[in-house]
Amino acid sequence: MSVGVCLFSHSLSAEAIVQCADRALYAAKEKGKNRIECVMP
């Protein structure tokens, strides 16, 4: 299982947070299986 995590501030919109987490998930998938990737917007 791959997981994408977005570290965010309260000033971001819900859409921006979801997009950030989505980028993190795809980054985890690109690097292989069973990974967790954390990104900041």
Protein backbone atom coordinates (compact mmCIF):
# COMPACT_ATOMS: atom_id res chain seq x y z
CA MET A 1 0.00 0.00 0.00
CA SER A 2 1.26 3.47 -0.89
CA VAL A 3 0.18 6.55 1.07
CA GLY A 4 0.42 10.25 0.28
CA VAL A 5 0.44 12.77 3.13
CA CYS A 6 0.17 16.53 2.82
CA LEU A 7 1.47 18.77 5.59
CA PHE A 8 -0.68 21.89 5.40
CA SER A 9 -1.58 25.17 7.01
CA HIS A 10 -5.12 26.29 7.75
CA SER A 11 -4.90 28.96 5.06
CA LEU A 12 -5.10 26.40 2.24
CA SER A 13 -8.37 25.49 0.57
CA ALA A 14 -9.71 21.95 0.74
CA GLU A 15 -9.01 21.56 -2.98
CA ALA A 16 -5.36 22.57 -2.53
CA ILE A 17 -4.93 20.07 0.31
CA VAL A 18 -6.41 17.23 -1.76
CA GLN A 19 -4.19 18.14 -4.73
CA CYS A 20 -1.14 18.13 -2.46
CA ALA A 21 -2.01 14.71 -1.02
CA ASP A 22 -2.62 13.41 -4.54
CA ARG A 23 0.86 14.56 -5.63
CA ALA A 24 2.33 12.81 -2.60
CA LEU A 25 0.47 9.59 -3.41
CA TYR A 26 1.71 9.54 -6.99
CA ALA A 27 5.25 10.29 -5.80
CA ALA A 28 5.03 7.27 -3.48
CA LYS A 29 3.76 5.06 -6.30
CA GLU A 30 6.56 6.18 -8.63
CA LYS A 31 9.18 5.19 -6.05
CA GLY A 32 7.79 1.68 -5.59
CA LYS A 33 5.33 -0.26 -3.51
CA ASN A 34 4.69 0.05 0.22
CA ARG A 35 5.85 3.64 0.64
CA ILE A 36 4.73 6.75 2.46
CA GLU A 37 5.53 10.16 0.98
CA CYS A 38 5.01 13.45 2.82
CA VAL A 39 4.99 16.74 0.95
CA MET A 40 4.38 20.38 1.75
CA PRO A 41 2.42 22.57 -0.66
